[in-house]
Protein backbone atom coordinates (compact mmCIF):
# COMPACT_ATOMS: atom_id res chain seq x y z
CA UNK A 1 70.97 -62.85 89.87
CA UNK A 2 68.64 -60.04 90.17
CA UNK A 3 68.99 -57.04 92.14
CA UNK A 4 66.49 -56.84 94.47
CA UNK A 5 63.78 -53.34 93.55
CA UNK A 6 63.31 -52.92 97.41
CA UNK A 7 61.50 -48.49 96.51
CA UNK A 8 59.14 -50.80 94.42
CA UNK A 9 58.14 -52.60 97.51
CA UNK A 10 57.53 -49.56 99.38
CA UNK A 11 60.81 -49.13 100.98
CA UNK A 12 62.41 -45.90 101.57
CA UNK A 13 65.69 -45.15 102.11
CA UNK A 14 66.69 -43.47 106.11
CA UNK A 15 69.62 -40.64 106.42
CA UNK A 16 71.91 -41.10 109.15
CA UNK A 17 69.98 -38.12 111.11
CA UNK A 18 66.48 -39.88 111.10
CA UNK A 19 68.05 -43.75 111.89
CA UNK A 20 69.64 -42.28 115.24
CA UNK A 21 66.21 -40.58 116.29
CA UNK A 22 63.84 -43.62 115.25
CA UNK A 23 63.02 -45.24 118.48
CA UNK A 24 62.60 -48.66 118.14
CA UNK A 25 60.09 -49.38 120.92
CA UNK A 26 57.49 -51.59 121.28
CA UNK A 27 55.28 -53.06 123.95
CA UNK A 28 58.35 -55.21 125.93
CA UNK A 29 60.13 -51.82 125.67
CA UNK A 30 57.42 -49.36 126.89
CA UNK A 31 56.79 -51.65 129.96
CA UNK A 32 60.34 -52.32 131.47
CA UNK A 33 60.63 -48.54 130.63
CA UNK A 34 58.22 -47.55 132.23
CA UNK A 35 58.75 -49.67 135.03
CA UNK A 36 61.59 -48.70 135.82
CA UNK A 37 60.81 -45.61 135.58
CA UNK A 38 58.17 -45.49 138.15
CA UNK A 39 61.26 -47.94 140.22
CA UNK A 40 63.89 -44.96 140.09
CA UNK A 41 61.36 -42.29 141.35
CA UNK A 42 59.49 -44.78 144.08
CA UNK A 43 64.02 -46.31 145.37
CA UNK A 44 63.86 -42.30 144.97
CA UNK A 45 61.38 -41.11 147.49
CA UNK A 46 62.15 -43.94 149.80
CA UNK A 47 65.82 -42.78 150.07
CA UNK A 48 64.83 -39.25 150.21
CA UNK A 49 62.02 -39.80 153.37
CA UNK A 50 64.82 -41.31 154.69
CA UNK A 51 67.18 -38.72 155.12
CA UNK A 52 64.59 -36.67 156.03
CA UNK A 53 64.48 -38.88 158.96
CA UNK A 54 67.57 -39.27 159.99
CA UNK A 55 68.37 -35.68 159.90
CA UNK A 56 65.98 -35.04 162.33
CA UNK A 57 66.67 -37.62 164.71
CA UNK A 58 70.06 -35.98 164.41
CA UNK A 59 68.85 -33.11 165.38
CA UNK A 60 67.07 -35.06 168.35
CA UNK A 61 70.01 -36.02 170.01
CA UNK A 62 72.42 -33.66 169.09
CA UNK A 63 69.22 -31.16 170.83
CA UNK A 64 69.19 -33.77 174.05
CA UNK A 65 72.84 -34.17 174.38
CA UNK A 66 74.14 -30.05 174.22
CA UNK A 67 71.14 -29.93 176.49
CA UNK A 68 72.96 -31.02 179.89
């Protein structure tokens, strides 16, 4: 059986560091990560706005109760 020399085909060896840092992305991976980023940002904004609104409403109710 013959040994196949990959270096003759333009294949290069990679060190462990290179193998850890290479990001294999692609069209589908980029789409999914971009979508997740948008969803996470929107969810964070919605939760933040809801908490701010709830704090204002609770403050208004407590002010009304204690002013009686």
